[in-house]
């Protein structure tokens, strides 16, 4: 309870003073020297003061109770407002929580949708790439002519290439009789594959136009190297022949690369079923090949029939060198030694 008002405090002090005086008067009632009416008058006055003080106290108490009641009423109102605000805050929290959960769900959903779209686009891109690859392959197939390479002349050419290392081995072992027999067999296969290719058109292939001279060059180079090792053929002549053949083979690979349409890959480059060019040896080159084979055969027979270093062999050396140079120049001068195979 707060401090008393100034007026009320003054009344209370006067009341307590009156009561104190009343107690003193009562103590003197038995005194014969005081008059009774004065005493009674003082008692009545003090009694009235006491009643007024009591009323003021009661009034103050009533006002205090009213203030307390008002405070309690305001407190109840505040509690009601706080309770309502708590409910609003709780509802707002629930709404925010639901909104956050919805946002998370929407994010995951959008992520899944984006992932599915990416997968679909990836599948479409892969499909487009495969379709484009297929179309390119079809166009390449239209440009490049495929042919059957499994023919008898081609097998005979491969046989000559395969037997060349063994023929060189027999020469190094100085088994000239067997080497001479193998050389005759190789020459026979060379004549036979040409005759078959000319006789039956189904056996003539553009692959054979490249494979036949390749087999001849491998056979001739192998024989010249092995015979030079045995000192039956001059080193200078062998170097001339091998150098020319290496240049011609390299030119063949260049022609293959230039005639191959893009994309140029190793698998397509070495795919012999894809014919992109056709070689046509010159007449001088054919004559040179015949001279070279004659020199090799004569040299193989020299140890067998004992005419090593015969002047005829030396004349063949010169003739072979001249024909080799002439054949090499013919490939440079002539424009019909090869042609590209294009779409028909």
Protein backbone atom coordinates (compact mmCIF):
# COMPACT_ATOMS: atom_id res chain seq x y z
CA UNK A 1 0.00 0.00 0.00
CA UNK A 2 1.36 3.50 -0.94
CA UNK A 3 2.04 6.54 1.33
CA UNK A 4 -0.97 8.40 2.95
CA UNK A 5 -2.12 11.72 1.52
CA UNK A 6 -0.90 14.85 3.35
CA UNK A 7 -4.40 15.86 4.63
CA UNK A 8 -5.19 12.44 5.92
CA UNK A 9 -1.84 12.22 7.73
CA UNK A 10 -2.62 15.55 9.45
CA UNK A 11 -6.04 14.35 10.58
CA UNK A 12 -4.58 11.11 11.93
CA UNK A 13 -1.92 12.99 13.88
CA UNK A 14 -4.58 15.20 15.42
CA UNK A 15 -6.69 12.20 16.25
CA UNK A 16 -3.87 10.45 18.00
CA UNK A 17 -3.16 13.67 19.90
CA UNK A 18 -6.81 13.88 20.96
CA UNK A 19 -6.81 10.30 22.10
CA UNK A 20 -3.73 10.96 24.13
CA UNK A 21 -5.37 13.99 25.70
CA UNK A 22 -8.52 11.95 26.36
CA UNK A 23 -6.49 9.39 28.20
CA UNK A 24 -4.96 12.14 30.31
CA UNK A 25 -8.39 13.64 31.01
CA UNK A 26 -9.69 10.28 32.05
CA UNK A 27 -6.79 9.99 34.43
CA UNK A 28 -7.80 13.29 35.98
CA UNK A 29 -11.55 12.55 36.25
CA UNK A 30 -11.07 11.62 39.82
CA UNK A 31 -9.34 14.91 40.45
CA UNK A 32 -11.75 17.12 42.43
CA UNK A 33 -10.03 20.33 41.24
CA UNK A 34 -11.23 20.00 37.54
CA UNK A 35 -14.71 20.84 36.51
CA UNK A 36 -16.82 18.10 35.11
CA UNK A 37 -18.34 20.07 32.24
CA UNK A 38 -14.92 21.02 30.81
CA UNK A 39 -13.87 17.47 30.91
CA UNK A 40 -17.04 16.34 29.21
CA UNK A 41 -16.63 18.95 26.51
CA UNK A 42 -13.08 17.80 25.75
CA UNK A 43 -14.19 14.21 25.72
CA UNK A 44 -16.96 14.95 23.21
CA UNK A 45 -14.60 16.88 20.95
CA UNK A 46 -12.01 14.15 21.00
CA UNK A 47 -14.67 11.54 20.32
CA UNK A 48 -15.79 13.40 17.20
CA UNK A 49 -12.23 13.58 15.99
CA UNK A 50 -11.86 9.87 16.50
CA UNK A 51 -14.99 9.12 14.49
CA UNK A 52 -13.77 11.39 11.62
CA UNK A 53 -10.40 9.68 11.56
CA UNK A 54 -12.08 6.30 11.45
CA UNK A 55 -14.25 7.40 8.49
CA UNK A 56 -11.18 8.70 6.67
CA UNK A 57 -9.36 5.44 7.25
CA UNK A 58 -12.36 3.54 6.02
CA UNK A 59 -12.59 5.85 2.96
CA UNK A 60 -8.92 5.38 2.22
CA UNK A 61 -9.27 1.62 2.54
CA UNK A 62 -12.26 1.64 0.18
CA UNK A 63 -10.32 3.64 -2.46
CA UNK A 64 -7.36 1.29 -2.12
CA UNK A 65 -9.58 -1.74 -2.66
CA UNK A 66 -11.10 -0.06 -5.70
CA UNK A 67 -7.61 0.58 -7.11
CA UNK A 68 -6.60 -3.01 -6.46
CA UNK A 69 -9.77 -4.20 -8.19
CA UNK A 70 -8.98 -1.98 -11.18
CA UNK A 71 -5.43 -3.31 -11.27
CA UNK A 72 -6.69 -6.88 -11.14
CA UNK A 73 -9.14 -6.08 -13.90
CA UNK A 74 -6.36 -4.60 -16.04
CA UNK A 75 -4.17 -7.61 -15.25
CA UNK A 76 -6.92 -9.96 -16.42
CA UNK A 77 -7.29 -7.93 -19.60
CA UNK A 78 -3.54 -8.09 -20.15
CA UNK A 79 -3.53 -11.84 -19.55
CA UNK A 80 -6.33 -12.23 -22.08
CA UNK A 81 -4.44 -10.16 -24.65
CA UNK A 82 -1.21 -12.07 -23.96
CA UNK A 83 -3.06 -15.39 -24.32
CA UNK A 84 -4.56 -14.26 -27.64
CA UNK A 85 -1.15 -13.05 -28.84
CA UNK A 86 0.38 -16.38 -27.83
CA UNK A 87 -2.23 -18.18 -29.89
CA UNK A 88 -1.55 -15.88 -32.83
CA UNK A 89 2.19 -16.45 -32.49
CA UNK A 90 1.62 -20.21 -32.28
CA UNK A 91 -0.59 -20.12 -35.36
CA UNK A 92 2.00 -18.00 -37.17
CA UNK A 93 4.74 -20.48 -36.23
CA UNK A 94 2.63 -23.35 -37.52
CA UNK A 95 1.96 -21.49 -40.76
CA UNK A 96 5.67 -20.74 -41.17
CA UNK A 97 6.54 -24.37 -40.46
CA UNK A 98 4.00 -25.58 -43.01
CA UNK A 99 5.25 -23.04 -45.53
CA UNK A 100 8.85 -24.16 -44.94
CA UNK A 101 7.85 -27.81 -45.38
CA UNK A 102 5.99 -26.92 -48.58
CA UNK A 103 9.02 -25.01 -49.84
CA UNK A 104 11.26 -28.00 -49.14
CA UNK A 105 8.79 -30.32 -50.88
CA UNK A 106 8.57 -27.96 -53.84
CA UNK A 107 12.36 -27.76 -54.01
CA UNK A 108 12.72 -31.56 -54.03
CA UNK A 109 9.95 -31.85 -56.59
CA UNK A 110 11.54 -29.24 -58.83
CA UNK A 111 14.88 -30.98 -58.40
CA UNK A 112 13.36 -34.30 -59.46
CA UNK A 113 11.62 -32.66 -62.39
CA UNK A 114 14.86 -30.94 -63.45
CA UNK A 115 16.74 -34.25 -63.14
CA UNK A 116 14.12 -35.99 -65.28
CA UNK A 117 14.30 -33.21 -67.86
CA UNK A 118 18.09 -33.46 -67.95
CA UNK A 119 17.86 -37.23 -68.40
CA UNK A 120 15.31 -36.79 -71.17
CA UNK A 121 17.45 -34.17 -72.91
CA UNK A 122 20.51 -36.41 -72.51
CA UNK A 123 18.61 -39.32 -74.03
CA UNK A 124 17.45 -37.08 -76.88
CA UNK A 125 21.01 -35.83 -77.50
CA UNK A 126 22.39 -39.38 -77.47
CA UNK A 127 19.62 -40.48 -79.81
CA UNK A 128 20.38 -37.56 -82.14
CA UNK A 129 24.08 -38.42 -82.08
CA UNK A 130 23.36 -42.06 -82.91
CA UNK A 131 20.97 -41.07 -85.67
CA UNK A 132 23.49 -38.59 -87.06
CA UNK A 133 26.21 -41.23 -86.87
CA UNK A 134 23.95 -43.69 -88.67
CA UNK A 135 23.14 -41.14 -91.37
CA UNK A 136 26.80 -40.25 -91.80
CA UNK A 137 27.64 -43.93 -92.04
CA UNK A 138 24.95 -44.41 -94.66
CA UNK A 139 26.30 -41.48 -96.66
CA UNK A 140 29.81 -42.84 -96.36
CA UNK A 141 28.56 -46.21 -97.54
CA UNK A 142 27.08 -44.43 -100.53
CA UNK A 143 30.39 -42.71 -101.24
CA UNK A 144 32.63 -45.71 -100.55
CA UNK A 145 32.22 -48.81 -102.61
CA UNK A 146 32.29 -52.09 -100.75
CA UNK A 147 33.47 -55.21 -102.47
CA UNK A 148 34.17 -58.84 -101.77
CA UNK A 149 37.87 -59.16 -101.01
CA UNK A 150 37.80 -62.93 -100.45
CA UNK A 151 38.84 -63.94 -103.94
CA UNK A 152 41.36 -66.48 -105.24
CA UNK A 153 43.79 -63.86 -106.67
CA UNK A 154 43.83 -62.02 -103.33
CA UNK A 155 44.54 -65.27 -101.46
CA UNK A 156 47.42 -66.01 -103.86
CA UNK A 157 48.87 -62.52 -103.23
CA UNK A 158 48.66 -63.04 -99.47
CA UNK A 159 50.35 -66.44 -99.90
CA UNK A 160 53.29 -64.81 -101.69
CA UNK A 161 53.67 -62.26 -98.92
CA UNK A 162 53.48 -64.96 -96.24
CA UNK A 163 56.11 -67.20 -97.90
CA UNK A 164 58.62 -64.35 -98.40
CA UNK A 165 60.20 -64.61 -94.91
CA UNK A 166 60.63 -68.41 -95.27
CA UNK A 167 62.17 -67.95 -98.70
CA UNK A 168 64.70 -65.53 -97.19
CA UNK A 169 65.43 -68.06 -94.43
CA UNK A 170 66.25 -70.79 -96.98
CA UNK A 171 68.63 -68.42 -98.75
CA UNK A 172 70.41 -67.52 -95.54
CA UNK A 173 70.75 -71.25 -94.81
CA UNK A 174 72.27 -71.62 -98.32
CA UNK A 175 69.57 -74.08 -99.32
CA UNK A 176 69.45 -72.66 -102.82
CA UNK A 177 67.66 -75.64 -104.40
CA UNK A 178 64.62 -75.17 -102.10
CA UNK A 179 64.83 -71.42 -102.49
CA UNK A 180 64.79 -71.79 -106.28
CA UNK A 181 61.75 -74.05 -106.09
CA UNK A 182 59.89 -71.59 -103.84
CA UNK A 183 60.76 -68.77 -106.20
CA UNK A 184 59.32 -70.69 -109.15
CA UNK A 185 56.14 -71.33 -107.11
CA UNK A 186 55.86 -67.64 -106.23
CA UNK A 187 56.27 -66.67 -109.88
CA UNK A 188 53.60 -69.18 -110.87
CA UNK A 189 51.13 -67.74 -108.34
CA UNK A 190 51.85 -64.26 -109.69
CA UNK A 191 50.95 -65.35 -113.21
CA UNK A 192 47.96 -67.35 -112.00
CA UNK A 193 46.26 -64.60 -109.99
CA UNK A 194 46.56 -62.19 -112.92
CA UNK A 195 45.07 -64.73 -115.32
CA UNK A 196 42.14 -65.52 -112.97
CA UNK A 197 41.40 -61.84 -112.41
CA UNK A 198 41.29 -61.21 -116.15
CA UNK A 199 39.31 -64.37 -116.93
CA UNK A 200 36.52 -63.92 -114.35
CA UNK A 201 35.31 -60.42 -113.55
CA UNK A 202 33.88 -61.58 -110.20
CA UNK A 203 37.46 -62.40 -109.12
CA UNK A 204 38.79 -58.99 -110.12
CA UNK A 205 38.83 -56.53 -107.24
CA UNK A 206 40.17 -53.06 -106.74
CA UNK A 207 41.79 -54.35 -103.58
CA UNK A 208 43.72 -56.77 -105.78
CA UNK A 209 45.08 -53.88 -107.85
CA UNK A 210 46.85 -52.72 -104.68
CA UNK A 211 47.60 -56.13 -103.17
CA UNK A 212 49.26 -57.71 -106.24
CA UNK A 213 52.05 -55.12 -106.69
CA UNK A 214 52.47 -55.01 -102.91
CA UNK A 215 53.08 -58.78 -102.82
CA UNK A 216 55.58 -58.51 -105.70
CA UNK A 217 57.49 -55.72 -103.94
CA UNK A 218 57.61 -57.61 -100.64
CA UNK A 219 58.85 -60.75 -102.39
CA UNK A 220 61.44 -58.92 -104.50
CA UNK A 221 62.71 -56.82 -101.55
CA UNK A 222 63.04 -59.92 -99.36
CA UNK A 223 64.97 -61.81 -102.06
CA UNK A 224 67.30 -58.89 -102.84
CA UNK A 225 68.09 -58.31 -99.16
CA UNK A 226 68.84 -61.97 -98.46
CA UNK A 227 70.87 -62.41 -101.65
CA UNK A 228 72.83 -59.23 -100.90
CA UNK A 229 73.56 -60.61 -97.44
CA UNK A 230 75.00 -63.69 -99.18
CA UNK A 231 77.08 -61.36 -101.43
CA UNK A 232 75.37 -62.56 -104.61
CA UNK A 233 73.91 -59.12 -105.54
CA UNK A 234 75.62 -55.70 -105.17
CA UNK A 235 74.57 -53.61 -102.17
CA UNK A 236 74.08 -50.47 -104.27
CA UNK A 237 71.53 -52.21 -106.52
CA UNK A 238 69.59 -53.54 -103.54
CA UNK A 239 69.54 -50.13 -101.89
CA UNK A 240 68.17 -48.58 -105.10
CA UNK A 241 65.39 -51.15 -105.42
CA UNK A 242 64.38 -51.06 -101.75
CA UNK A 243 64.38 -47.24 -101.67
CA UNK A 244 62.11 -47.06 -104.71
CA UNK A 245 59.72 -49.66 -103.29
CA UNK A 246 59.56 -47.88 -99.92
CA UNK A 247 58.70 -44.62 -101.70
CA UNK A 248 55.97 -46.33 -103.74
CA UNK A 249 54.47 -48.01 -100.68
CA UNK A 250 54.48 -44.71 -98.79
CA UNK A 251 52.77 -43.05 -101.75
CA UNK A 252 50.12 -45.77 -101.65
CA UNK A 253 49.37 -45.02 -97.98
CA UNK A 254 49.13 -41.30 -98.78
CA UNK A 255 46.70 -42.01 -101.63
CA UNK A 256 44.62 -44.16 -99.28
CA UNK A 257 44.47 -41.35 -96.71
CA UNK A 258 43.56 -38.67 -99.26
CA UNK A 259 40.87 -40.80 -100.90
CA UNK A 260 39.19 -41.72 -97.60
CA UNK A 261 36.23 -39.41 -96.85
CA UNK A 262 35.91 -38.00 -93.33
CA UNK A 263 35.79 -39.05 -90.62
CA UNK A 264 39.25 -40.52 -91.10
CA UNK A 265 39.75 -43.14 -88.39
CA UNK A 266 42.23 -45.99 -88.06
CA UNK A 267 39.47 -48.62 -88.21
CA UNK A 268 38.16 -47.17 -91.47
CA UNK A 269 41.64 -46.56 -92.81
CA UNK A 270 42.64 -50.22 -92.45
CA UNK A 271 39.21 -51.59 -93.43
CA UNK A 272 40.15 -53.26 -96.70
CA UNK A 273 36.49 -53.69 -97.67
CA UNK A 274 36.25 -49.91 -98.09
CA UNK A 275 37.77 -49.33 -101.48
CA UNK A 276 38.67 -45.70 -102.03
CA UNK A 277 41.30 -45.83 -104.78
CA UNK A 278 42.49 -48.07 -107.57
CA UNK A 279 46.12 -48.45 -108.60
CA UNK A 280 47.24 -49.02 -112.17
CA UNK A 281 50.95 -49.90 -112.58
CA UNK A 282 52.69 -48.48 -115.62
CA UNK A 283 54.04 -50.63 -118.45
CA UNK A 284 57.62 -49.80 -117.54
CA UNK A 285 56.93 -50.88 -113.96
CA UNK A 286 55.66 -54.24 -115.17
CA UNK A 287 58.78 -54.68 -117.31
CA UNK A 288 60.96 -53.73 -114.34
CA UNK A 289 59.23 -56.31 -112.15
CA UNK A 290 59.86 -59.01 -114.77
CA UNK A 291 63.55 -58.02 -115.00
CA UNK A 292 63.92 -58.04 -111.22
CA UNK A 293 62.36 -61.50 -110.92
CA UNK A 294 64.60 -62.75 -113.74
CA UNK A 295 67.67 -61.41 -111.93
CA UNK A 296 66.59 -63.02 -108.65
CA UNK A 297 65.91 -66.36 -110.35
CA UNK A 298 69.23 -66.29 -112.21
CA UNK A 299 71.08 -65.39 -109.03
CA UNK A 300 69.39 -68.24 -107.09
CA UNK A 301 70.43 -70.68 -109.85
CA UNK A 302 74.04 -69.44 -109.91
CA UNK A 303 75.21 -71.41 -106.81
CA UNK A 304 73.25 -74.43 -107.99
CA UNK A 305 74.63 -74.44 -111.56
CA UNK A 306 77.98 -72.80 -110.72
CA UNK A 307 77.89 -69.52 -112.68
CA UNK A 308 78.35 -67.03 -109.86
CA UNK A 309 79.68 -63.60 -111.07
CA UNK A 310 78.93 -64.47 -114.69
CA UNK A 311 79.00 -61.45 -117.08
CA UNK A 312 75.34 -62.12 -117.93
CA UNK A 313 74.45 -61.60 -114.28
CA UNK A 314 76.45 -58.37 -114.22
CA UNK A 315 74.60 -57.20 -117.35
CA UNK A 316 71.30 -57.99 -115.58
CA UNK A 317 72.44 -55.86 -112.65
CA UNK A 318 72.86 -52.82 -114.92
CA UNK A 319 69.59 -53.50 -116.77
CA UNK A 320 67.74 -53.89 -113.48
CA UNK A 321 69.11 -50.59 -112.14
CA UNK A 322 68.13 -48.70 -115.29
CA UNK A 323 64.63 -50.19 -115.42
CA UNK A 324 64.14 -49.45 -111.69
CA UNK A 325 64.95 -45.76 -112.19
CA UNK A 326 62.74 -45.60 -115.30
CA UNK A 327 59.84 -47.25 -113.47
CA UNK A 328 60.11 -44.82 -110.58
CA UNK A 329 60.06 -41.84 -112.96
CA UNK A 330 57.07 -43.30 -114.82
CA UNK A 331 54.99 -43.14 -111.62
CA UNK A 332 55.90 -39.46 -111.26
CA UNK A 333 55.22 -38.51 -114.87
CA UNK A 334 52.13 -40.61 -115.56
CA UNK A 335 48.72 -39.34 -114.37
CA UNK A 336 46.87 -42.64 -114.72
CA UNK A 337 48.72 -44.64 -112.08
CA UNK A 338 45.85 -44.29 -109.61
CA UNK A 339 42.30 -42.97 -109.41
CA UNK A 340 39.88 -42.24 -106.60
CA UNK A 341 36.70 -44.31 -106.29
CA UNK A 342 33.75 -41.95 -105.96
CA UNK A 343 30.00 -42.35 -105.75
CA UNK A 344 28.49 -43.84 -108.82
